[in-house]
PDB file of N, CA and C in Angstrom:
ATOM      1  N   MET A   1     126.748-121.359  41.022  1.00  0.00           N
ATOM      2  CA  MET A   1     127.065-120.404  39.989  1.00  0.00           C
ATOM      3  C   MET A   1     127.398-119.031  40.588  1.00  0.00           C
ATOM      4  N   ILE A   2     126.629-118.637  41.601  1.00  0.00           N
ATOM      5  CA  ILE A   2     126.881-117.338  42.230  1.00  0.00           C
ATOM      6  C   ILE A   2     128.251-117.330  42.889  1.00  0.00           C
ATOM      7  N   LEU A   3     128.614-118.433  43.541  1.00  0.00           N
ATOM      8  CA  LEU A   3     129.928-118.514  44.171  1.00  0.00           C
ATOM      9  C   LEU A   3     131.033-118.357  43.133  1.00  0.00           C
ATOM     10  N   PHE A   4     130.867-118.996  41.987  1.00  0.00           N
ATOM     11  CA  PHE A   4     131.854-118.869  40.914  1.00  0.00           C
ATOM     12  C   PHE A   4     131.981-117.416  40.457  1.00  0.00           C
ATOM     13  N   ILE A   5     130.864-116.745  40.290  1.00  0.00           N
ATOM     14  CA  ILE A   5     130.887-115.341  39.861  1.00  0.00           C
ATOM     15  C   ILE A   5     131.578-114.477  40.903  1.00  0.00           C
ATOM     16  N   CYS A   6     131.271-114.703  42.174  1.00  0.00           N
ATOM     17  CA  CYS A   6     131.904-113.922  43.248  1.00  0.00           C
ATOM     18  C   CYS A   6     133.411-114.152  43.284  1.00  0.00           C
ATOM     19  N   LEU A   7     133.820-115.399  43.146  1.00  0.00           N
ATOM     20  CA  LEU A   7     135.252-115.696  43.137  1.00  0.00           C
ATOM     21  C   LEU A   7     135.939-115.077  41.930  1.00  0.00           C
ATOM     22  N   PHE A   8     135.270-115.090  40.792  1.00  0.00           N
ATOM     23  CA  PHE A   8     135.833-114.478  39.595  1.00  0.00           C
ATOM     24  C   PHE A   8     135.998-112.970  39.781  1.00  0.00           C
ATOM     25  N   ILE A   9     134.990-112.322  40.355  1.00  0.00           N
ATOM     26  CA  ILE A   9     135.072-110.876  40.604  1.00  0.00           C
ATOM     27  C   ILE A   9     136.207-110.579  41.573  1.00  0.00           C
ATOM     28  N   TYR A  10     136.309-111.368  42.643  1.00  0.00           N
ATOM     29  CA  TYR A  10     137.396-111.177  43.597  1.00  0.00           C
ATOM     30  C   TYR A  10     138.747-111.334  42.913  1.00  0.00           C
ATOM     31  N   TYR A  11     138.883-112.376  42.098  1.00  0.00           N
ATOM     32  CA  TYR A  11     140.127-112.609  41.370  1.00  0.00           C
ATOM     33  C   TYR A  11     140.467-111.410  40.488  1.00  0.00           C
ATOM     34  N   CYS A  12     139.483-110.880  39.780  1.00  0.00           N
ATOM     35  CA  CYS A  12     139.710-109.721  38.902  1.00  0.00           C
ATOM     36  C   CYS A  12     140.134-108.489  39.701  1.00  0.00           C
ATOM     37  N   ILE A  13     139.510-108.261  40.840  1.00  0.00           N
ATOM     38  CA  ILE A  13     139.861-107.113  41.676  1.00  0.00           C
ATOM     39  C   ILE A  13     141.292-107.248  42.196  1.00  0.00           C
ATOM     40  N   VAL A  14     141.646-108.438  42.642  1.00  0.00           N
ATOM     41  CA  VAL A  14     143.006-108.657  43.151  1.00  0.00           C
ATOM     42  C   VAL A  14     144.023-108.477  42.030  1.00  0.00           C
ATOM     43  N   GLN A  15     143.716-108.984  40.842  1.00  0.00           N
ATOM     44  CA  GLN A  15     144.629-108.804  39.707  1.00  0.00           C
ATOM     45  C   GLN A  15     144.775-107.325  39.361  1.00  0.00           C
ATOM     46  N   LEU A  16     143.696-106.592  39.407  1.00  0.00           N
ATOM     47  CA  LEU A  16     143.737-105.154  39.149  1.00  0.00           C
ATOM     48  C   LEU A  16     144.586-104.439  40.199  1.00  0.00           C
ATOM     49  N   MET A  17     144.423-104.836  41.461  1.00  0.00           N
ATOM     50  CA  MET A  17     145.215-104.249  42.537  1.00  0.00           C
ATOM     51  C   MET A  17     146.705-104.513  42.297  1.00  0.00           C
ATOM     52  N   HIS A  18     147.052-105.741  41.941  1.00  0.00           N
ATOM     53  CA  HIS A  18     148.457-106.075  41.675  1.00  0.00           C
ATOM     54  C   HIS A  18     148.990-105.318  40.462  1.00  0.00           C
ATOM     55  N   MET A  19     148.151-105.153  39.452  1.00  0.00           N
ATOM     56  CA  MET A  19     148.568-104.417  38.268  1.00  0.00           C
ATOM     57  C   MET A  19     148.918-102.972  38.629  1.00  0.00           C
ATOM     58  N   PHE A  20     148.045-102.317  39.411  1.00  0.00           N
ATOM     59  CA  PHE A  20     148.323-100.935  39.823  1.00  0.00           C
ATOM     60  C   PHE A  20     149.574-100.861  40.695  1.00  0.00           C
ATOM     61  N   ARG A  21     149.744-101.837  41.592  1.00  0.00           N
ATOM     62  CA  ARG A  21     150.948-101.834  42.438  1.00  0.00           C
ATOM     63  C   ARG A  21     152.207-102.043  41.600  1.00  0.00           C
ATOM     64  N   ASN A  22     152.159-102.917  40.604  1.00  0.00           N
ATOM     65  CA  ASN A  22     153.313-103.126  39.730  1.00  0.00           C
ATOM     66  C   ASN A  22     153.611-101.895  38.887  1.00  0.00           C
ATOM     67  N   LEU A  23     152.584-101.163  38.491  1.00  0.00           N
ATOM     68  CA  LEU A  23     152.794 -99.940  37.712  1.00  0.00           C
ATOM     69  C   LEU A  23     153.501 -98.852  38.524  1.00  0.00           C
ATOM     70  N   LEU A  24     153.411 -98.954  39.858  1.00  0.00           N
ATOM     71  CA  LEU A  24     154.111 -97.977  40.705  1.00  0.00           C
ATOM     72  C   LEU A  24     155.617 -98.016  40.465  1.00  0.00           C
ATOM     73  N   LYS A  25     156.117 -99.164  40.025  1.00  0.00           N
ATOM     74  CA  LYS A  25     157.554 -99.332  39.801  1.00  0.00           C
ATOM     75  C   LYS A  25     157.988 -98.778  38.445  1.00  0.00           C
ATOM     76  N   THR A  26     157.039 -98.277  37.668  1.00  0.00           N
ATOM     77  CA  THR A  26     157.348 -97.759  36.333  1.00  0.00           C
ATOM     78  C   THR A  26     156.983 -96.285  36.245  1.00  0.00           C
ATOM     79  N   ASP A  27     157.200 -95.726  35.084  1.00  0.00           N
ATOM     80  CA  ASP A  27     156.795 -94.334  34.837  1.00  0.00           C
ATOM     81  C   ASP A  27     155.345 -94.234  34.385  1.00  0.00           C
ATOM     82  N   GLU A  28     154.657 -95.359  34.295  1.00  0.00           N
ATOM     83  CA  GLU A  28     153.291 -95.390  33.800  1.00  0.00           C
ATOM     84  C   GLU A  28     152.248 -95.464  34.908  1.00  0.00           C
ATOM     85  N   ALA A  29     152.634 -95.207  36.141  1.00  0.00           N
ATOM     86  CA  ALA A  29     151.709 -95.310  37.271  1.00  0.00           C
ATOM     87  C   ALA A  29     150.575 -94.309  37.126  1.00  0.00           C
ATOM     88  N   ALA A  30     149.352 -94.826  37.153  1.00  0.00           N
ATOM     89  CA  ALA A  30     148.169 -93.973  37.042  1.00  0.00           C
ATOM     90  C   ALA A  30     147.734 -93.460  38.407  1.00  0.00           C
ATOM     91  N   LEU A  31     148.105 -94.181  39.459  1.00  0.00           N
ATOM     92  CA  LEU A  31     147.733 -93.823  40.828  1.00  0.00           C
ATOM     93  C   LEU A  31     148.969 -93.916  41.706  1.00  0.00           C
ATOM     94  N   ASN A  32     148.948 -93.173  42.806  1.00  0.00           N
ATOM     95  CA  ASN A  32     150.048 -93.326  43.751  1.00  0.00           C
ATOM     96  C   ASN A  32     149.695 -94.409  44.777  1.00  0.00           C
ATOM     97  N   ALA A  33     150.650 -94.785  45.594  1.00  0.00           N
ATOM     98  CA  ALA A  33     150.470 -95.891  46.549  1.00  0.00           C
ATOM     99  C   ALA A  33     149.329 -95.630  47.526  1.00  0.00           C
ATOM    100  N   GLU A  34     149.207 -94.388  47.985  1.00  0.00           N
ATOM    101  CA  GLU A  34     148.136 -94.058  48.930  1.00  0.00           C
ATOM    102  C   GLU A  34     146.760 -94.225  48.282  1.00  0.00           C
ATOM    103  N   ASP A  35     146.623 -93.784  47.026  1.00  0.00           N
ATOM    104  CA  ASP A  35     145.355 -93.949  46.321  1.00  0.00           C
ATOM    105  C   ASP A  35     145.005 -95.425  46.151  1.00  0.00           C
ATOM    106  N   ILE A  36     145.994 -96.227  45.832  1.00  0.00           N
ATOM    107  CA  ILE A  36     145.763 -97.667  45.673  1.00  0.00           C
ATOM    108  C   ILE A  36     145.309 -98.277  46.997  1.00  0.00           C
ATOM    109  N   ASP A  37     145.934 -97.850  48.093  1.00  0.00           N
ATOM    110  CA  ASP A  37     145.538 -98.356  49.406  1.00  0.00           C
ATOM    111  C   ASP A  37     144.100 -97.964  49.749  1.00  0.00           C
ATOM    112  N   VAL A  38     143.696 -96.758  49.372  1.00  0.00           N
ATOM    113  CA  VAL A  38     142.323 -96.314  49.641  1.00  0.00           C
ATOM    114  C   VAL A  38     141.336 -97.115  48.798  1.00  0.00           C
ATOM    115  N   ILE A  39     141.620 -97.243  47.519  1.00  0.00           N
ATOM    116  CA  ILE A  39     140.688 -97.904  46.604  1.00  0.00           C
ATOM    117  C   ILE A  39     140.523 -99.385  46.943  1.00  0.00           C
ATOM    118  N   PHE A  40     141.626-100.060  47.249  1.00  0.00           N
ATOM    119  CA  PHE A  40     141.572-101.501  47.473  1.00  0.00           C
ATOM    120  C   PHE A  40     141.630-101.873  48.955  1.00  0.00           C
ATOM    121  N   CYS A  41     141.363-100.923  49.818  1.00  0.00           N
ATOM    122  CA  CYS A  41     141.418-101.145  51.266  1.00  0.00           C
ATOM    123  C   CYS A  41     140.470-102.270  51.685  1.00  0.00           C
ATOM    124  N   GLY A  42     141.009-103.229  52.376  1.00  0.00           N
ATOM    125  CA  GLY A  42     140.189-104.263  52.982  1.00  0.00           C
ATOM    126  C   GLY A  42     139.722-105.376  52.062  1.00  0.00           C
ATOM    127  N   ILE A  43     140.114-105.365  50.793  1.00  0.00           N
ATOM    128  CA  ILE A  43     139.633-106.402  49.871  1.00  0.00           C
ATOM    129  C   ILE A  43     140.042-107.806  50.353  1.00  0.00           C
ATOM    130  N   PRO A  44     141.322-108.062  50.646  1.00  0.00           N
ATOM    131  CA  PRO A  44     141.671-109.411  51.130  1.00  0.00           C
ATOM    132  C   PRO A  44     140.976-109.766  52.443  1.00  0.00           C
ATOM    133  N   GLU A  45     140.852-108.786  53.338  1.00  0.00           N
ATOM    134  CA  GLU A  45     140.200-109.047  54.622  1.00  0.00           C
ATOM    135  C   GLU A  45     138.720-109.369  54.437  1.00  0.00           C
ATOM    136  N   LEU A  46     138.058-108.646  53.528  1.00  0.00           N
ATOM    137  CA  LEU A  46     136.651-108.935  53.246  1.00  0.00           C
ATOM    138  C   LEU A  46     136.483-110.336  52.669  1.00  0.00           C
ATOM    139  N   HIS A  47     137.388-110.712  51.807  1.00  0.00           N
ATOM    140  CA  HIS A  47     137.316-112.057  51.223  1.00  0.00           C
ATOM    141  C   HIS A  47     137.485-113.123  52.302  1.00  0.00           C
ATOM    142  N   GLU A  48     138.447-112.937  53.195  1.00  0.00           N
ATOM    143  CA  GLU A  48     138.649-113.889  54.284  1.00  0.00           C
ATOM    144  C   GLU A  48     137.418-113.962  55.191  1.00  0.00           C
ATOM    145  N   ALA A  49     136.839-112.800  55.496  1.00  0.00           N
ATOM    146  CA  ALA A  49     135.655-112.771  56.357  1.00  0.00           C
ATOM    147  C   ALA A  49     134.489-113.498  55.702  1.00  0.00           C
ATOM    148  N   HIS A  50     134.309-113.301  54.418  1.00  0.00           N
ATOM    149  CA  HIS A  50     133.207-113.969  53.736  1.00  0.00           C
ATOM    150  C   HIS A  50     133.463-115.468  53.562  1.00  0.00           C
ATOM    151  N   ASP A  51     134.721-115.858  53.390  1.00  0.00           N
ATOM    152  CA  ASP A  51     135.040-117.292  53.371  1.00  0.00           C
ATOM    153  C   ASP A  51     134.679-117.935  54.698  1.00  0.00           C
ATOM    154  N   LEU A  52     135.024-117.257  55.786  1.00  0.00           N
ATOM    155  CA  LEU A  52     134.675-117.761  57.112  1.00  0.00           C
ATOM    156  C   LEU A  52     133.165-117.846  57.275  1.00  0.00           C
ATOM    157  N   PHE A  53     132.455-116.819  56.817  1.00  0.00           N
ATOM    158  CA  PHE A  53     130.997-116.788  56.902  1.00  0.00           C
ATOM    159  C   PHE A  53     130.389-117.972  56.145  1.00  0.00           C
ATOM    160  N   VAL A  54     130.865-118.222  54.937  1.00  0.00           N
ATOM    161  CA  VAL A  54     130.345-119.340  54.144  1.00  0.00           C
ATOM    162  C   VAL A  54     130.632-120.671  54.834  1.00  0.00           C
ATOM    163  N   SER A  55     131.830-120.810  55.385  1.00  0.00           N
ATOM    164  CA  SER A  55     132.163-122.075  56.054  1.00  0.00           C
ATOM    165  C   SER A  55     131.306-122.296  57.297  1.00  0.00           C
ATOM    166  N   GLU A  56     130.919-121.221  57.973  1.00  0.00           N
ATOM    167  CA  GLU A  56     130.041-121.332  59.145  1.00  0.00           C
ATOM    168  C   GLU A  56     128.585-121.584  58.726  1.00  0.00           C
ATOM    169  N   LEU A  57     128.186-120.998  57.606  1.00  0.00           N
ATOM    170  CA  LEU A  57     126.798-121.084  57.168  1.00  0.00           C
ATOM    171  C   LEU A  57     126.484-122.372  56.408  1.00  0.00           C
ATOM    172  N   GLN A  58     127.460-122.897  55.680  1.00  0.00           N
ATOM    173  CA  GLN A  58     127.216-124.063  54.809  1.00  0.00           C
ATOM    174  C   GLN A  58     126.635-125.263  55.543  1.00  0.00           C
ATOM    175  N   PRO A  59     127.163-125.674  56.708  1.00  0.00           N
ATOM    176  CA  PRO A  59     126.564-126.823  57.403  1.00  0.00           C
ATOM    177  C   PRO A  59     125.102-126.583  57.795  1.00  0.00           C
ATOM    178  N   LEU A  60     124.765-125.338  58.125  1.00  0.00           N
ATOM    179  CA  LEU A  60     123.378-125.030  58.475  1.00  0.00           C
ATOM    180  C   LEU A  60     122.472-125.152  57.251  1.00  0.00           C
ATOM    181  N   VAL A  61     122.940-124.682  56.125  1.00  0.00           N
ATOM    182  CA  VAL A  61     122.155-124.777  54.889  1.00  0.00           C
ATOM    183  C   VAL A  61     122.016-126.235  54.462  1.00  0.00           C
ATOM    184  N   ASP A  62     123.082-126.999  54.577  1.00  0.00           N
ATOM    185  CA  ASP A  62     123.057-128.410  54.179  1.00  0.00           C
ATOM    186  C   ASP A  62     122.091-129.235  55.024  1.00  0.00           C
ATOM    187  N   ASN A  63     121.908-128.835  56.281  1.00  0.00           N
ATOM    188  CA  ASN A  63     121.024-129.564  57.200  1.00  0.00           C
ATOM    189  C   ASN A  63     119.863-128.693  57.647  1.00  0.00           C
ATOM    190  N   TRP A  64     119.267-128.002  56.695  1.00  0.00           N
ATOM    191  CA  TRP A  64     118.240-127.009  57.021  1.00  0.00           C
ATOM    192  C   TRP A  64     117.011-127.655  57.640  1.00  0.00           C
ATOM    193  N   SER A  65     116.436-126.947  58.630  1.00  0.00           N
ATOM    194  CA  SER A  65     115.170-127.353  59.229  1.00  0.00           C
ATOM    195  C   SER A  65     114.368-126.100  59.530  1.00  0.00           C
ATOM    196  N   ASP A  66     113.107-126.282  59.863  1.00  0.00           N
ATOM    197  CA  ASP A  66     112.233-125.134  60.123  1.00  0.00           C
ATOM    198  C   ASP A  66     112.655-124.314  61.335  1.00  0.00           C
ATOM    199  N   ASP A  67     113.344-124.929  62.271  1.00  0.00           N
ATOM    200  CA  ASP A  67     113.758-124.213  63.477  1.00  0.00           C
ATOM    201  C   ASP A  67     115.236-123.795  63.431  1.00  0.00           C
ATOM    202  N   GLN A  68     115.802-123.804  62.254  1.00  0.00           N
ATOM    203  CA  GLN A  68     117.214-123.439  62.076  1.00  0.00           C
ATOM    204  C   GLN A  68     117.454-121.964  62.401  1.00  0.00           C
ATOM    205  N   GLU A  69     118.574-121.682  63.029  1.00  0.00           N
ATOM    206  CA  GLU A  69     118.957-120.311  63.338  1.00  0.00           C
ATOM    207  C   GLU A  69     120.294-120.008  62.671  1.00  0.00           C
ATOM    208  N   VAL A  70     120.425-118.805  62.146  1.00  0.00           N
ATOM    209  CA  VAL A  70     121.664-118.425  61.460  1.00  0.00           C
ATOM    210  C   VAL A  70     122.341-117.235  62.137  1.00  0.00           C
ATOM    211  N   ALA A  71     121.941-116.944  63.350  1.00  0.00           N
ATOM    212  CA  ALA A  71     122.492-115.779  64.047  1.00  0.00           C
ATOM    213  C   ALA A  71     123.984-115.920  64.332  1.00  0.00           C
ATOM    214  N   GLU A  72     124.420-117.100  64.720  1.00  0.00           N
ATOM    215  CA  GLU A  72     125.834-117.274  65.087  1.00  0.00           C
ATOM    216  C   GLU A  72     126.785-116.981  63.926  1.00  0.00           C
ATOM    217  N   PRO A  73     126.551-117.534  62.718  1.00  0.00           N
ATOM    218  CA  PRO A  73     127.456-117.180  61.613  1.00  0.00           C
ATOM    219  C   PRO A  73     127.459-115.680  61.301  1.00  0.00           C
ATOM    220  N   ILE A  74     126.307-115.039  61.454  1.00  0.00           N
ATOM    221  CA  ILE A  74     126.244-113.594  61.214  1.00  0.00           C
ATOM    222  C   ILE A  74     127.040-112.850  62.279  1.00  0.00           C
ATOM    223  N   LYS A  75     126.944-113.279  63.534  1.00  0.00           N
ATOM    224  CA  LYS A  75     127.735-112.669  64.611  1.00  0.00           C
ATOM    225  C   LYS A  75     129.230-112.826  64.337  1.00  0.00           C
ATOM    226  N   VAL A  76     129.629-114.007  63.858  1.00  0.00           N
ATOM    227  CA  VAL A  76     131.045-114.245  63.535  1.00  0.00           C
ATOM    228  C   VAL A  76     131.490-113.295  62.423  1.00  0.00           C
ATOM    229  N   LEU A  77     130.659-113.134  61.392  1.00  0.00           N
ATOM    230  CA  LEU A  77     130.993-112.243  60.288  1.00  0.00           C
ATOM    231  C   LEU A  77     131.158-110.807  60.777  1.00  0.00           C
ATOM    232  N   VAL A  78     130.215-110.335  61.566  1.00  0.00           N
ATOM    233  CA  VAL A  78     130.274-108.961  62.076  1.00  0.00           C
ATOM    234  C   VAL A  78     131.503-108.763  62.952  1.00  0.00           C
ATOM    235  N   SER A  79     131.791-109.720  63.822  1.00  0.00           N
ATOM    236  CA  SER A  79     132.963-109.559  64.692  1.00  0.00           C
ATOM    237  C   SER A  79     134.250-109.605  63.882  1.00  0.00           C
ATOM    238  N   THR A  80     134.288-110.426  62.832  1.00  0.00           N
ATOM    239  CA  THR A  80     135.470-110.485  61.969  1.00  0.00           C
ATOM    240  C   THR A  80     135.683-109.159  61.268  1.00  0.00           C
ATOM    241  N   LEU A  81     134.617-108.560  60.778  1.00  0.00           N
ATOM    242  CA  LEU A  81     134.737-107.266  60.103  1.00  0.00           C
ATOM    243  C   LEU A  81     135.167-106.175  61.069  1.00  0.00           C
ATOM    244  N   ARG A  82     134.692-106.245  62.303  1.00  0.00           N
ATOM    245  CA  ARG A  82     135.102-105.244  63.297  1.00  0.00           C
ATOM    246  C   ARG A  82     136.581-105.385  63.630  1.00  0.00           C
ATOM    247  N   ILE A  83     137.031-106.622  63.786  1.00  0.00           N
ATOM    248  CA  ILE A  83     138.439-106.860  64.103  1.00  0.00           C
ATOM    249  C   ILE A  83     139.318-106.346  62.972  1.00  0.00           C
ATOM    250  N   SER A  84     138.858-106.522  61.736  1.00  0.00           N
ATOM    251  CA  SER A  84     139.626-106.072  60.575  1.00  0.00           C
ATOM    252  C   SER A  84     139.499-104.572  60.345  1.00  0.00           C
ATOM    253  N   ASN A  85     138.673-103.903  61.160  1.00  0.00           N
ATOM    254  CA  ASN A  85     138.468-102.460  61.049  1.00  0.00           C
ATOM    255  C   ASN A  85     137.928-102.076  59.676  1.00  0.00           C
ATOM    256  N   ILE A  86     137.020-102.882  59.158  1.00  0.00           N
ATOM    257  CA  ILE A  86     136.442-102.619  57.847  1.00  0.00           C
ATOM    258  C   ILE A  86     135.097-101.925  57.984  1.00  0.00           C
ATOM    259  N   ASP A  87     134.359-102.232  59.039  1.00  0.00           N
ATOM    260  CA  ASP A  87     133.006-101.694  59.133  1.00  0.00           C
ATOM    261  C   ASP A  87     133.041-100.224  59.523  1.00  0.00           C
ATOM    262  N   GLY A  88     131.915 -99.560  59.305  1.00  0.00           N
ATOM    263  CA  GLY A  88     131.765 -98.206  59.791  1.00  0.00           C
ATOM    264  C   GLY A  88     132.145 -97.103  58.837  1.00  0.00           C
ATOM    265  N   GLU A  89     132.906 -97.401  57.792  1.00  0.00           N
ATOM    266  CA  GLU A  89     133.284 -96.304  56.920  1.00  0.00           C
ATOM    267  C   GLU A  89     133.199 -96.588  55.422  1.00  0.00           C
ATOM    268  N   PRO A  90     132.471 -97.620  54.985  1.00  0.00           N
ATOM    269  CA  PRO A  90     132.455 -97.850  53.542  1.00  0.00           C
ATOM    270  C   PRO A  90     131.860 -96.707  52.749  1.00  0.00           C
ATOM    271  N   CYS A  91     130.852 -96.027  53.284  1.00  0.00           N
ATOM    272  CA  CYS A  91     130.264 -94.897  52.553  1.00  0.00           C
ATOM    273  C   CYS A  91     131.270 -93.764  52.422  1.00  0.00           C
ATOM    274  N   PHE A  92     131.996 -93.486  53.482  1.00  0.00           N
ATOM    275  CA  PHE A  92     133.000 -92.434  53.425  1.00  0.00           C
ATOM    276  C   PHE A  92     134.153 -92.835  52.520  1.00  0.00           C
ATOM    277  N   ARG A  93     134.508 -94.113  52.531  1.00  0.00           N
ATOM    278  CA  ARG A  93     135.579 -94.608  51.674  1.00  0.00           C
ATOM    279  C   ARG A  93     135.197 -94.425  50.207  1.00  0.00           C
ATOM    280  N   PHE A  94     133.917 -94.576  49.879  1.00  0.00           N
ATOM    281  CA  PHE A  94     133.456 -94.395  48.508  1.00  0.00           C
ATOM    282  C   PHE A  94     133.834 -93.009  48.001  1.00  0.00           C
ATOM    283  N   PHE A  95     133.612 -91.987  48.829  1.00  0.00           N
ATOM    284  CA  PHE A  95     133.944 -90.631  48.413  1.00  0.00           C
ATOM    285  C   PHE A  95     135.453 -90.419  48.332  1.00  0.00           C
ATOM    286  N   ARG A  96     136.205 -91.081  49.211  1.00  0.00           N
ATOM    287  CA  ARG A  96     137.664 -91.001  49.131  1.00  0.00           C
ATOM    288  C   ARG A  96     138.168 -91.645  47.846  1.00  0.00           C
ATOM    289  N   VAL A  97     137.543 -92.761  47.451  1.00  0.00           N
ATOM    290  CA  VAL A  97     137.925 -93.426  46.195  1.00  0.00           C
ATOM    291  C   VAL A  97     137.622 -92.508  45.020  1.00  0.00           C
ATOM    292  N   LEU A  98     136.456 -91.887  45.019  1.00  0.00           N
ATOM    293  CA  LEU A  98     136.130 -90.950  43.935  1.00  0.00           C
ATOM    294  C   LEU A  98     137.140 -89.816  43.865  1.00  0.00           C
ATOM    295  N   ALA A  99     137.540 -89.311  45.024  1.00  0.00           N
ATOM    296  CA  ALA A  99     138.536 -88.230  45.047  1.00  0.00           C
ATOM    297  C   ALA A  99     139.857 -88.707  44.485  1.00  0.00           C
ATOM    298  N   CYS A 100     140.245 -89.956  44.774  1.00  0.00           N
ATOM    299  CA  CYS A 100     141.490 -90.508  44.227  1.00  0.00           C
ATOM    300  C   CYS A 100     141.416 -90.609  42.709  1.00  0.00           C
ATOM    301  N   LEU A 101     140.268 -90.991  42.211  1.00  0.00           N
ATOM    302  CA  LEU A 101     140.129 -91.218  40.773  1.00  0.00           C
ATOM    303  C   LEU A 101     139.881 -89.950  39.988  1.00  0.00           C
ATOM    304  N   TYR A 102     139.102 -89.019  40.546  1.00  0.00           N
ATOM    305  CA  TYR A 102     138.666 -87.851  39.779  1.00  0.00           C
ATOM    306  C   TYR A 102     139.122 -86.515  40.329  1.00  0.00           C
ATOM    307  N   GLY A 103     139.825 -86.519  41.438  1.00  0.00           N
ATOM    308  CA  GLY A 103     140.295 -85.270  42.018  1.00  0.00           C
ATOM    309  C   GLY A 103     139.518 -84.897  43.268  1.00  0.00           C
ATOM    310  N   ASP A 104     140.075 -84.004  44.030  1.00  0.00           N
ATOM    311  CA  ASP A 104     139.505 -83.641  45.332  1.00  0.00           C
ATOM    312  C   ASP A 104     138.168 -82.911  45.243  1.00  0.00           C
ATOM    313  N   ASP A 105     137.848 -82.309  44.115  1.00  0.00           N
ATOM    314  CA  ASP A 105     136.610 -81.535  44.017  1.00  0.00           C
ATOM    315  C   ASP A 105     135.368 -82.426  44.013  1.00  0.00           C
ATOM    316  N   VAL A 106     135.518 -83.750  43.927  1.00  0.00           N
ATOM    317  CA  VAL A 106     134.375 -84.672  43.963  1.00  0.00           C
ATOM    318  C   VAL A 106     133.914 -84.879  45.383  1.00  0.00           C
ATOM    319  N   ALA A 107     134.863 -85.016  46.322  1.00  0.00           N
ATOM    320  CA  ALA A 107     134.525 -85.354  47.712  1.00  0.00           C
ATOM    321  C   ALA A 107     134.019 -84.220  48.487  1.00  0.00           C
TER     322      ALA A 107
END
């Protein structure tokens, strides 16, 4: 059930991203291209990284034992996020997103 909810949320976010990008082609654009890139930065990459994480973790969960270790899938996830240049700035990105939505006086 949790996986379904996560996939649904991801689907909604991607649809929202596409909607904003399509609005750029009209006079009804609420955000500019740079703001959209800031707000939705890394969403597809995060989804790919988490898909990889689940695929690495699932066999361990399916064959769980008391001496099971999950360090390797976590290492893969962290290295994937580093390669995608996603880690290290989510807190700062939050303030950039607020500035895009509400103006520069928020950040």
